[in-house]
Structures are given as C-alpha cells and as structure tokens.
Protein backbone atom coordinates (compact mmCIF):
# COMPACT_ATOMS: atom_id res chain seq x y z
CA MET A 1 0.00 0.00 0.00
CA LYS A 2 2.85 2.38 0.77
CA THR A 3 4.37 1.82 -2.67
CA SER A 4 1.18 2.76 -4.53
CA ALA A 5 0.73 5.87 -2.35
CA ARG A 6 4.30 6.95 -3.13
CA PHE A 7 3.71 6.30 -6.82
CA VAL A 8 0.55 8.43 -6.80
CA ALA A 9 2.35 11.21 -4.91
CA LEU A 10 5.23 11.09 -7.40
CA LEU A 11 2.80 11.14 -10.32
CA LEU A 12 0.96 14.15 -8.85
CA ALA A 13 4.24 15.99 -8.24
CA ALA A 14 5.38 15.34 -11.82
CA GLY A 15 2.03 16.54 -13.16
CA ALA A 16 2.17 19.70 -11.05
CA THR A 17 5.73 20.41 -12.21
CA PHE A 18 4.79 19.94 -15.87
CA GLY A 19 1.69 22.12 -15.39
CA ALA A 20 3.73 24.88 -13.77
CA PHE A 21 6.28 24.70 -16.61
CA TRP A 22 3.52 24.89 -19.26
CA CYS A 23 1.82 27.84 -17.53
CA GLY A 24 5.17 29.60 -17.20
CA LEU A 25 5.77 29.29 -20.93
CA VAL A 26 2.31 30.39 -21.96
CA TYR A 27 1.65 33.16 -19.44
CA GLY A 28 5.08 34.26 -18.27
CA LEU A 29 7.07 34.12 -21.49
CA HIS A 30 4.13 34.48 -23.92
CA VAL A 31 5.12 31.34 -25.81
CA TRP A 32 2.67 28.80 -27.20
CA PRO A 33 4.59 25.48 -27.13
CA PRO A 34 2.80 23.93 -30.16
CA ASP A 35 4.21 26.80 -32.27
CA ILE A 36 7.76 25.77 -31.36
CA VAL A 37 7.16 22.18 -32.46
CA SER A 38 4.99 22.79 -35.54
CA GLY A 39 6.88 25.68 -37.14
CA ARG A 40 3.59 26.92 -38.58
CA GLU A 41 2.79 30.47 -39.60
CA THR A 42 -0.24 32.04 -37.90
CA VAL A 43 -2.30 34.66 -39.75
CA LEU A 44 -3.25 37.31 -37.17
CA ALA A 45 -5.22 39.53 -39.56
CA SER A 46 -6.05 39.51 -43.26
CA VAL A 47 -7.72 42.19 -45.39
CA GLN A 48 -8.16 42.95 -49.09
CA SER A 49 -8.72 46.28 -50.84
CA GLN A 50 -11.25 46.84 -53.61
CA SER A 51 -8.35 47.20 -56.06
CA GLY A 52 -7.09 43.69 -55.21
CA GLU A 53 -4.24 44.54 -52.83
CA ARG A 54 -4.12 41.87 -50.09
CA PHE A 55 -2.48 42.16 -46.69
CA LYS A 56 -1.68 39.50 -44.11
CA LEU A 57 -0.21 40.09 -40.68
CA VAL A 58 1.56 36.83 -39.84
CA GLN A 59 3.57 35.47 -36.95
CA PHE A 60 5.84 32.45 -36.58
CA TRP A 61 8.29 31.10 -34.02
CA GLY A 62 11.87 32.19 -34.66
CA VAL A 63 14.93 30.96 -32.79
CA ASP A 64 14.05 32.39 -29.39
CA PHE A 65 10.98 34.63 -29.90
CA TYR A 66 8.26 35.24 -32.46
CA THR A 67 8.71 37.06 -35.75
CA THR A 68 5.76 39.23 -36.81
CA GLN A 69 5.58 40.55 -40.35
CA LEU A 70 3.29 42.13 -42.92
CA GLU A 71 2.84 40.39 -46.27
CA HIS A 72 1.62 42.72 -49.03
CA ILE A 73 0.35 40.69 -51.99
CA ARG A 74 -0.13 42.85 -55.07
CA PRO A 75 -2.75 42.16 -57.76
CA ASP A 76 0.02 40.90 -60.09
CA GLY A 77 0.90 38.20 -57.52
CA SER A 78 4.19 39.69 -56.31
CA VAL A 79 4.71 39.78 -52.56
CA LYS A 80 6.53 42.28 -50.37
CA ILE A 81 7.34 41.23 -46.80
CA THR A 82 8.10 43.81 -44.13
CA GLN A 83 9.21 42.68 -40.70
CA ILE A 84 7.28 44.36 -37.90
CA ASP A 85 8.97 42.75 -34.90
CA GLY A 86 11.65 40.06 -34.89
CA ASP A 87 11.59 39.73 -31.12
CA ASP A 88 7.84 39.69 -30.44
CA LYS A 89 5.73 37.85 -27.90
CA LYS A 90 2.90 35.51 -28.86
CA ARG A 91 -0.01 37.51 -30.20
CA TRP A 92 -3.43 36.07 -30.86
CA LYS A 93 -4.61 38.86 -33.13
CA TYR A 94 -3.82 42.27 -34.57
CA SER A 95 -6.23 44.83 -35.90
CA ALA A 96 -5.92 45.81 -39.55
CA GLU A 97 -8.20 48.38 -41.15
CA LEU A 98 -8.12 49.69 -44.72
CA ILE A 99 -8.62 53.33 -45.64
CA GLU A 100 -9.17 52.95 -49.38
CA ALA A 101 -9.12 56.68 -50.24
CA ASP A 102 -5.63 57.09 -48.74
CA LYS A 103 -4.35 53.66 -49.86
CA THR A 104 -3.48 53.04 -46.22
CA LEU A 105 -3.56 49.99 -43.98
CA VAL A 106 -3.82 50.95 -40.29
CA VAL A 107 -2.18 48.36 -38.02
CA SER A 108 -2.86 48.35 -34.29
CA PHE A 109 -2.15 46.09 -31.35
CA PRO A 110 -4.97 45.01 -29.02
CA ASP A 111 -2.70 45.22 -25.94
CA LYS A 112 -0.93 48.52 -26.76
CA PRO A 113 -2.10 52.03 -27.58
CA LEU A 114 0.10 51.99 -30.70
CA THR A 115 -0.89 52.18 -34.34
CA THR A 116 1.07 52.74 -37.51
CA ASN A 117 0.14 53.04 -41.15
CA TYR A 118 1.29 51.13 -44.20
CA ARG A 119 0.87 53.08 -47.45
CA TRP A 120 0.50 50.51 -50.19
CA ASP A 121 1.08 53.03 -52.98
CA LEU A 122 4.48 53.85 -51.38
CA GLN A 123 4.98 50.23 -50.21
CA ARG A 124 6.27 51.29 -46.81
CA PHE A 125 5.21 52.16 -43.29
CA VAL A 126 4.61 55.82 -42.56
CA ALA A 127 3.95 57.55 -39.26
CA PRO A 128 0.58 59.07 -38.49
CA VAL A 129 0.81 62.87 -38.36
CA GLY A 130 2.89 63.97 -35.37
CA ARG A 131 4.29 60.51 -34.53
CA GLU A 132 7.17 58.29 -35.51
CA PRO A 133 6.49 54.67 -36.52
CA PHE A 134 7.44 52.55 -33.53
CA TRP A 135 9.39 49.89 -35.44
CA PHE A 136 10.47 51.85 -38.48
CA GLU A 137 14.20 51.85 -37.74
CA THR A 138 14.42 48.06 -37.49
CA SER A 139 12.17 47.07 -40.40
CA SER A 140 13.64 44.80 -43.02
CA VAL A 141 12.14 44.15 -46.42
CA ALA A 142 12.14 41.07 -48.62
CA THR A 143 10.31 40.12 -51.79
CA LYS A 144 8.97 36.67 -52.67
C-alpha cells in the first residue's frame, strides 16, 4: 500500500511540475509550445482592398521569440514582406483596417495604444501625423 501511495504522490508531483512549466511558458514568457514544435505560420489579420491589394499580418516562431511581419500581396501576384517585430511575444490577433481613399492599412495592437500606417502606394510604413512609426528603424524588407 505504501508503494502505490508513493507512486501516486510522485505522479501528482510530476504533473504539477509539468503544469507549472507549461503555464510559465504560456503566461510568463508568452510562448505557445505547439508553435515551437509545428513551425507553422499564424495569420493574425487579413484584409483585401477593392483594387485587389491583399495584406496578411503573420507570426511564426523564430529561434528564441516570435517574428511578426506584414505580407503585401499585389494584384500581379508579387509579394513584399516587411518585418514588424523580430523579437515579439505571442499575439493572438492584430487589428488591420483599410482606408481605401488614402491607400493606407492601419495596423494596431490590441494590448498597446500603438498604431502605424502602411501606405500601399508607397509600399512602406509611414507615421501618423505627429508621430514616428514605432518599429520603423528596425524594419527589413524582402520580396517573394
């Protein structure tokens, strides 16, 4: 009887340790463990203009943190990728709103009072009037 009680206690302790580790990853470090294993890309927001310009805010696990980027897919099929944050935490969604008249995509974060604008006619991020873009200096651009 003592052996089975010790086994149950050991099993409970191991379960509690694993649970604490999992919660620490998810809540403390803002990491979703399945992302590390799967290597998948998560689409946080997706919008399309009337002229056929498509935009996807995507996130994927990098080496030690998440990489968040904007994919601008033009009507001709070419793609421009702009890195938003190469050292980001896990995000479950972004907000992306189109202002067709200005050819502008407004990107905002649900957990921060920050927004910035992507002008698709200029193919770059621009600051709203009176503000600097918060990631502008570290943005990198690639084309698919």
